[in-house]
């Protein structure tokens, strides 16, 4: 009888996990993508940040939640899930030893996360300067 109980328990957990797609991590309720990777560019060209600088892409979802996406020195990011929808965005930069709030740059066109898409390019615009 125990093998049937184990199979039933496994099946119930699998169904529950599948239903969890619309009620995800951090209390977000709604559809998401399961992978979110990409890079930031300025005027179509790759961006390289100085070593030791802490850089984040702060995304503001159309439903009011915000997400901080850490960027690597080469301007790339790779995180798990992300809610689908439209975002406004800011780039936050904190130089080593800098006290107080990080420098903030508004990303002109924001971005959209779309179902089925996992790779993104975030354009900082022609006016962005390192």
N, C-alpha and C. Protein backbone atom coordinates (compact mmCIF):
# COMPACT_ATOMS: atom_id res chain seq x y z
N UNK A 1 0.82 -1.20 0.00
CA UNK A 1 0.00 0.00 0.00
C UNK A 1 0.86 1.26 0.00
N UNK A 2 2.04 1.19 0.62
CA UNK A 2 2.90 2.37 0.68
C UNK A 2 3.33 2.89 -0.69
N UNK A 3 3.65 2.02 -1.65
CA UNK A 3 4.04 2.55 -2.96
C UNK A 3 2.93 3.38 -3.61
N UNK A 4 1.69 2.98 -3.42
CA UNK A 4 0.57 3.75 -3.99
C UNK A 4 0.44 5.11 -3.32
N UNK A 5 0.67 5.15 -2.01
CA UNK A 5 0.62 6.42 -1.28
C UNK A 5 1.72 7.36 -1.79
N UNK A 6 2.92 6.81 -1.98
CA UNK A 6 4.04 7.63 -2.47
C UNK A 6 3.75 8.16 -3.87
N UNK A 7 3.18 7.32 -4.74
CA UNK A 7 2.85 7.76 -6.10
C UNK A 7 1.77 8.83 -6.06
N UNK A 8 0.75 8.64 -5.22
CA UNK A 8 -0.32 9.63 -5.11
C UNK A 8 0.22 10.96 -4.57
N UNK A 9 1.10 10.89 -3.58
CA UNK A 9 1.69 12.11 -3.02
C UNK A 9 2.52 12.83 -4.06
N UNK A 10 3.34 12.09 -4.80
CA UNK A 10 4.17 12.69 -5.86
C UNK A 10 3.29 13.35 -6.92
N UNK A 11 2.23 12.68 -7.34
CA UNK A 11 1.32 13.23 -8.35
C UNK A 11 0.66 14.51 -7.85
N UNK A 12 0.24 14.52 -6.59
CA UNK A 12 -0.40 15.71 -6.02
C UNK A 12 0.58 16.88 -5.97
N UNK A 13 1.82 16.61 -5.59
CA UNK A 13 2.83 17.68 -5.55
C UNK A 13 3.14 18.19 -6.95
N UNK A 14 3.19 17.31 -7.93
CA UNK A 14 3.45 17.73 -9.31
C UNK A 14 2.34 18.62 -9.83
N UNK A 15 1.10 18.27 -9.54
CA UNK A 15 -0.03 19.10 -9.97
C UNK A 15 0.02 20.44 -9.27
N UNK A 16 0.30 20.45 -7.97
CA UNK A 16 0.37 21.71 -7.23
C UNK A 16 1.48 22.60 -7.77
N UNK A 17 2.62 22.02 -8.10
CA UNK A 17 3.73 22.81 -8.66
C UNK A 17 3.34 23.39 -10.01
N UNK A 18 2.64 22.62 -10.84
CA UNK A 18 2.21 23.12 -12.14
C UNK A 18 1.22 24.25 -12.01
N UNK A 19 0.36 24.20 -11.01
CA UNK A 19 -0.64 25.25 -10.80
C UNK A 19 -0.02 26.51 -10.23
N UNK A 20 1.21 26.40 -9.74
CA UNK A 20 1.85 27.53 -9.08
C UNK A 20 2.40 28.54 -10.08
N UNK A 21 2.30 28.30 -11.38
CA UNK A 21 2.85 29.22 -12.39
C UNK A 21 2.24 30.61 -12.27
N UNK A 22 0.97 30.73 -11.89
CA UNK A 22 0.34 32.03 -11.78
C UNK A 22 0.44 32.61 -10.37
N UNK A 23 1.06 31.93 -9.46
CA UNK A 23 1.25 32.43 -8.09
C UNK A 23 2.68 32.10 -7.72
N UNK A 24 3.59 33.01 -8.02
CA UNK A 24 5.01 32.71 -7.97
C UNK A 24 5.73 33.25 -6.75
N UNK A 25 7.04 33.24 -6.88
CA UNK A 25 7.95 33.66 -5.84
C UNK A 25 7.63 35.05 -5.32
N UNK A 26 8.05 35.29 -4.11
CA UNK A 26 7.92 36.61 -3.48
C UNK A 26 6.49 37.13 -3.46
N UNK A 27 5.52 36.22 -3.49
CA UNK A 27 4.13 36.63 -3.39
C UNK A 27 3.53 37.22 -4.65
N UNK A 28 4.27 37.22 -5.76
CA UNK A 28 3.72 37.77 -6.99
C UNK A 28 2.66 36.83 -7.54
N UNK A 29 1.52 37.38 -7.91
CA UNK A 29 0.47 36.58 -8.53
C UNK A 29 0.29 37.03 -9.97
N UNK A 30 0.50 36.13 -10.89
CA UNK A 30 0.37 36.43 -12.30
C UNK A 30 1.35 35.63 -13.11
N UNK A 31 1.26 35.70 -14.42
CA UNK A 31 2.14 34.91 -15.28
C UNK A 31 3.58 35.43 -15.26
N UNK A 32 4.51 34.50 -15.39
CA UNK A 32 5.93 34.84 -15.38
C UNK A 32 6.66 34.08 -16.48
N UNK A 33 7.89 34.52 -16.75
CA UNK A 33 8.83 33.71 -17.52
C UNK A 33 9.73 33.04 -16.49
N UNK A 34 10.20 31.84 -16.80
CA UNK A 34 11.01 31.08 -15.85
C UNK A 34 12.49 31.39 -15.94
N UNK A 35 12.88 32.15 -16.95
CA UNK A 35 14.29 32.53 -17.12
C UNK A 35 14.31 33.95 -17.68
N UNK A 36 15.25 34.77 -17.17
CA UNK A 36 15.34 36.17 -17.56
C UNK A 36 16.81 36.52 -17.66
N UNK A 37 17.34 36.59 -18.88
CA UNK A 37 18.75 36.90 -19.10
C UNK A 37 18.87 38.01 -20.13
N UNK A 38 20.00 38.69 -20.12
CA UNK A 38 20.19 39.73 -21.12
C UNK A 38 21.38 40.62 -20.83
N UNK A 39 21.33 41.81 -21.42
CA UNK A 39 22.43 42.77 -21.28
C UNK A 39 21.91 44.18 -21.50
N UNK A 40 22.66 45.13 -20.99
CA UNK A 40 22.34 46.53 -21.27
C UNK A 40 23.32 47.02 -22.33
N UNK A 41 22.82 47.89 -23.20
CA UNK A 41 23.64 48.48 -24.25
C UNK A 41 23.37 49.99 -24.27
N UNK A 42 24.31 50.73 -24.82
CA UNK A 42 24.14 52.17 -25.00
C UNK A 42 24.33 52.47 -26.48
N UNK A 43 23.29 52.98 -27.10
CA UNK A 43 23.30 53.27 -28.54
C UNK A 43 23.68 52.01 -29.33
N UNK A 44 23.17 50.86 -28.87
CA UNK A 44 23.39 49.59 -29.54
C UNK A 44 24.71 48.91 -29.24
N UNK A 45 25.59 49.57 -28.48
CA UNK A 45 26.91 49.03 -28.19
C UNK A 45 26.97 48.47 -26.77
N UNK A 46 27.71 47.36 -26.56
CA UNK A 46 27.83 46.77 -25.22
C UNK A 46 28.39 47.78 -24.22
N UNK A 47 27.95 47.65 -22.98
CA UNK A 47 28.40 48.53 -21.90
C UNK A 47 29.30 47.75 -20.96
N UNK A 48 30.40 48.35 -20.55
CA UNK A 48 31.33 47.76 -19.59
C UNK A 48 31.42 48.71 -18.40
N UNK A 49 31.16 48.20 -17.19
CA UNK A 49 31.21 49.03 -15.99
C UNK A 49 32.55 48.85 -15.30
N UNK A 50 33.02 49.91 -14.61
CA UNK A 50 34.30 49.82 -13.91
C UNK A 50 34.28 48.72 -12.84
N UNK A 51 35.41 48.07 -12.66
CA UNK A 51 35.52 47.01 -11.66
C UNK A 51 35.24 47.57 -10.26
N UNK A 52 34.52 46.81 -9.47
CA UNK A 52 34.20 47.20 -8.10
C UNK A 52 32.93 48.01 -7.96
N UNK A 53 32.39 48.48 -9.06
CA UNK A 53 31.15 49.25 -9.02
C UNK A 53 29.96 48.29 -8.88
N UNK A 54 29.00 48.65 -8.06
CA UNK A 54 27.78 47.88 -7.91
C UNK A 54 26.74 48.49 -8.83
N UNK A 55 26.21 47.68 -9.75
CA UNK A 55 25.28 48.19 -10.75
C UNK A 55 24.02 47.31 -10.74
N UNK A 56 22.87 47.96 -10.74
CA UNK A 56 21.60 47.25 -10.76
C UNK A 56 20.66 47.91 -11.76
N UNK A 57 19.82 47.08 -12.34
CA UNK A 57 18.73 47.56 -13.16
C UNK A 57 17.49 47.46 -12.28
N UNK A 58 16.87 48.59 -11.98
CA UNK A 58 15.66 48.59 -11.15
C UNK A 58 14.47 48.67 -12.09
N UNK A 59 13.64 47.64 -12.05
CA UNK A 59 12.48 47.56 -12.92
C UNK A 59 11.21 47.77 -12.12
N UNK A 60 10.30 48.60 -12.65
CA UNK A 60 9.03 48.91 -12.00
C UNK A 60 7.91 48.33 -12.86
N UNK A 61 7.28 47.27 -12.36
CA UNK A 61 6.22 46.57 -13.10
C UNK A 61 4.97 47.43 -13.16
N UNK A 62 4.21 47.28 -14.23
CA UNK A 62 2.98 48.05 -14.43
C UNK A 62 1.96 47.85 -13.32
N UNK A 63 2.09 46.76 -12.55
CA UNK A 63 1.17 46.50 -11.44
C UNK A 63 1.70 47.00 -10.11
N UNK A 64 2.83 47.74 -10.15
CA UNK A 64 3.31 48.42 -8.95
C UNK A 64 4.48 47.79 -8.23
N UNK A 65 4.85 46.56 -8.55
CA UNK A 65 5.99 45.95 -7.87
C UNK A 65 7.29 46.36 -8.53
N UNK A 66 8.37 46.35 -7.75
CA UNK A 66 9.67 46.66 -8.32
C UNK A 66 10.63 45.50 -8.09
N UNK A 67 11.62 45.40 -8.97
CA UNK A 67 12.59 44.32 -8.94
C UNK A 67 13.98 44.90 -9.19
N UNK A 68 14.96 44.51 -8.37
CA UNK A 68 16.35 44.92 -8.57
C UNK A 68 17.09 43.77 -9.24
N UNK A 69 17.65 44.04 -10.41
CA UNK A 69 18.37 43.04 -11.18
C UNK A 69 19.85 43.39 -11.13
N UNK A 70 20.68 42.57 -10.45
CA UNK A 70 22.11 42.87 -10.42
C UNK A 70 22.75 42.67 -11.80
N UNK A 71 23.62 43.61 -12.17
CA UNK A 71 24.34 43.53 -13.44
C UNK A 71 25.79 43.16 -13.18
N UNK A 72 26.33 42.36 -14.07
CA UNK A 72 27.75 42.02 -14.01
C UNK A 72 28.54 43.17 -14.63
N UNK A 73 29.85 43.13 -14.47
CA UNK A 73 30.72 44.18 -14.98
C UNK A 73 30.56 44.37 -16.48
N UNK A 74 30.26 43.31 -17.20
CA UNK A 74 30.10 43.40 -18.66
C UNK A 74 28.69 43.81 -19.08
N UNK A 75 27.85 44.20 -18.11
CA UNK A 75 26.51 44.68 -18.41
C UNK A 75 25.47 43.59 -18.62
N UNK A 76 25.82 42.34 -18.31
CA UNK A 76 24.87 41.24 -18.49
C UNK A 76 24.16 40.94 -17.18
N UNK A 77 23.02 40.25 -17.30
CA UNK A 77 22.29 39.78 -16.13
C UNK A 77 21.72 38.40 -16.43
N UNK A 78 21.50 37.63 -15.38
CA UNK A 78 20.98 36.28 -15.50
C UNK A 78 20.31 35.92 -14.19
N UNK A 79 18.98 36.00 -14.17
CA UNK A 79 18.24 35.65 -12.97
C UNK A 79 17.18 34.62 -13.32
N UNK A 80 16.50 34.14 -12.33
CA UNK A 80 15.47 33.12 -12.55
C UNK A 80 14.23 33.69 -13.20
N UNK A 81 13.16 33.73 -12.52
CA UNK A 81 11.85 34.11 -13.05
C UNK A 81 11.68 35.63 -13.09
N UNK A 82 10.70 36.07 -13.87
CA UNK A 82 10.35 37.49 -13.95
C UNK A 82 8.90 37.60 -14.39
N UNK A 83 8.11 38.49 -13.77
CA UNK A 83 6.72 38.66 -14.20
C UNK A 83 6.62 39.22 -15.62
N UNK A 84 5.65 38.73 -16.36
CA UNK A 84 5.38 39.23 -17.70
C UNK A 84 4.69 40.58 -17.57
N UNK A 85 5.03 41.52 -18.44
CA UNK A 85 4.39 42.83 -18.43
C UNK A 85 5.32 43.93 -18.86
N UNK A 86 4.81 45.17 -18.76
CA UNK A 86 5.57 46.36 -19.13
C UNK A 86 6.26 46.92 -17.89
N UNK A 87 7.46 47.48 -18.11
CA UNK A 87 8.26 48.02 -17.02
C UNK A 87 8.82 49.39 -17.39
N UNK A 88 8.89 50.27 -16.40
CA UNK A 88 9.77 51.42 -16.52
C UNK A 88 11.05 50.98 -15.82
N UNK A 89 12.16 51.63 -16.12
CA UNK A 89 13.44 51.13 -15.61
C UNK A 89 14.39 52.27 -15.28
N UNK A 90 15.25 52.00 -14.30
CA UNK A 90 16.35 52.90 -13.94
C UNK A 90 17.61 52.07 -13.76
N UNK A 91 18.74 52.67 -14.05
CA UNK A 91 20.03 52.04 -13.82
C UNK A 91 20.61 52.68 -12.57
N UNK A 92 20.97 51.87 -11.58
CA UNK A 92 21.54 52.35 -10.32
C UNK A 92 23.01 51.97 -10.26
N UNK A 93 23.89 52.96 -9.99
CA UNK A 93 25.33 52.71 -9.93
C UNK A 93 25.90 53.24 -8.64
N UNK A 94 26.65 52.38 -7.95
CA UNK A 94 27.29 52.76 -6.69
C UNK A 94 28.78 52.48 -6.83
N UNK A 95 29.57 53.56 -6.81
CA UNK A 95 31.02 53.40 -6.93
C UNK A 95 31.59 52.89 -5.61
N UNK A 96 32.74 52.21 -5.65
CA UNK A 96 33.34 51.73 -4.41
C UNK A 96 33.58 52.89 -3.45
N UNK A 97 33.17 52.73 -2.20
CA UNK A 97 33.36 53.76 -1.20
C UNK A 97 32.34 54.89 -1.24
N UNK A 98 31.47 54.91 -2.23
CA UNK A 98 30.46 55.97 -2.35
C UNK A 98 29.45 55.83 -1.21
N UNK A 99 29.20 56.91 -0.53
CA UNK A 99 28.23 56.92 0.57
C UNK A 99 26.90 57.45 0.06
N UNK A 100 25.82 57.07 0.72
CA UNK A 100 24.50 57.57 0.35
C UNK A 100 23.88 56.80 -0.79
N UNK A 101 22.93 57.45 -1.43
CA UNK A 101 22.17 56.83 -2.50
C UNK A 101 23.04 56.63 -3.75
N UNK A 102 22.78 55.56 -4.50
CA UNK A 102 23.53 55.36 -5.75
C UNK A 102 23.11 56.38 -6.81
N UNK A 103 23.96 56.58 -7.79
CA UNK A 103 23.61 57.41 -8.94
C UNK A 103 22.51 56.69 -9.71
N UNK A 104 21.55 57.45 -10.23
CA UNK A 104 20.41 56.85 -10.91
C UNK A 104 20.24 57.46 -12.29
N UNK A 105 19.97 56.58 -13.27
CA UNK A 105 19.76 57.00 -14.65
C UNK A 105 18.46 56.37 -15.14
N UNK A 106 17.52 57.18 -15.61
CA UNK A 106 16.25 56.66 -16.13
C UNK A 106 16.46 56.06 -17.52
N UNK A 107 16.07 54.81 -17.68
CA UNK A 107 16.16 54.14 -18.98
C UNK A 107 15.01 54.67 -19.84
N UNK A 108 15.31 55.32 -20.98
CA UNK A 108 14.30 56.05 -21.74
C UNK A 108 13.05 55.27 -22.13
N UNK A 109 13.20 54.06 -22.64
CA UNK A 109 12.05 53.35 -23.17
C UNK A 109 11.55 52.22 -22.28
N UNK A 110 12.15 52.03 -21.12
CA UNK A 110 11.75 50.93 -20.26
C UNK A 110 11.92 49.61 -21.00
N UNK A 111 11.05 48.65 -20.70
CA UNK A 111 11.11 47.36 -21.39
C UNK A 111 9.84 46.58 -21.15
N UNK A 112 9.67 45.51 -21.90
CA UNK A 112 8.54 44.60 -21.72
C UNK A 112 9.07 43.18 -21.63
N UNK A 113 8.54 42.42 -20.68
CA UNK A 113 8.84 41.00 -20.56
C UNK A 113 7.66 40.26 -21.19
N UNK A 114 7.97 39.40 -22.16
CA UNK A 114 6.93 38.73 -22.94
C UNK A 114 6.96 37.23 -22.73
N UNK A 115 5.78 36.63 -22.75
CA UNK A 115 5.68 35.19 -22.59
C UNK A 115 6.50 34.47 -23.66
N UNK A 116 7.28 33.48 -23.22
CA UNK A 116 8.08 32.70 -24.14
C UNK A 116 9.44 33.30 -24.47
N UNK A 117 9.65 34.58 -24.18
CA UNK A 117 10.94 35.22 -24.45
C UNK A 117 11.79 35.16 -23.19
N UNK A 118 13.06 34.76 -23.33
CA UNK A 118 13.94 34.66 -22.16
C UNK A 118 15.14 35.60 -22.25
N UNK A 119 15.51 36.06 -23.46
CA UNK A 119 16.68 36.92 -23.62
C UNK A 119 16.25 38.34 -23.99
N UNK A 120 16.90 39.32 -23.34
CA UNK A 120 16.51 40.72 -23.51
C UNK A 120 17.72 41.62 -23.68
N UNK A 121 17.54 42.70 -24.42
CA UNK A 121 18.53 43.76 -24.55
C UNK A 121 17.85 45.04 -24.06
N UNK A 122 18.46 45.67 -23.07
CA UNK A 122 17.92 46.91 -22.51
C UNK A 122 18.76 48.06 -23.03
N UNK A 123 18.13 48.95 -23.79
CA UNK A 123 18.82 50.08 -24.41
C UNK A 123 18.84 51.27 -23.47
N UNK A 124 20.05 51.73 -23.13
CA UNK A 124 20.20 52.89 -22.24
C UNK A 124 20.06 54.20 -23.00
N UNK A 125 20.16 54.18 -24.32
CA UNK A 125 19.98 55.38 -25.13
C UNK A 125 21.29 56.05 -25.51
N UNK A 126 21.17 56.99 -26.44
CA UNK A 126 22.36 57.71 -26.94
C UNK A 126 22.95 58.65 -25.91
N UNK A 127 22.16 59.16 -24.97
CA UNK A 127 22.63 60.14 -24.01
C UNK A 127 23.31 59.54 -22.78
N UNK A 128 23.32 58.23 -22.68
CA UNK A 128 23.92 57.60 -21.51
C UNK A 128 25.44 57.69 -21.57
N UNK A 129 26.04 58.06 -20.43
CA UNK A 129 27.49 58.17 -20.35
C UNK A 129 27.99 57.38 -19.16
N UNK A 130 29.12 56.73 -19.31
CA UNK A 130 29.73 55.95 -18.25
C UNK A 130 30.24 56.82 -17.19
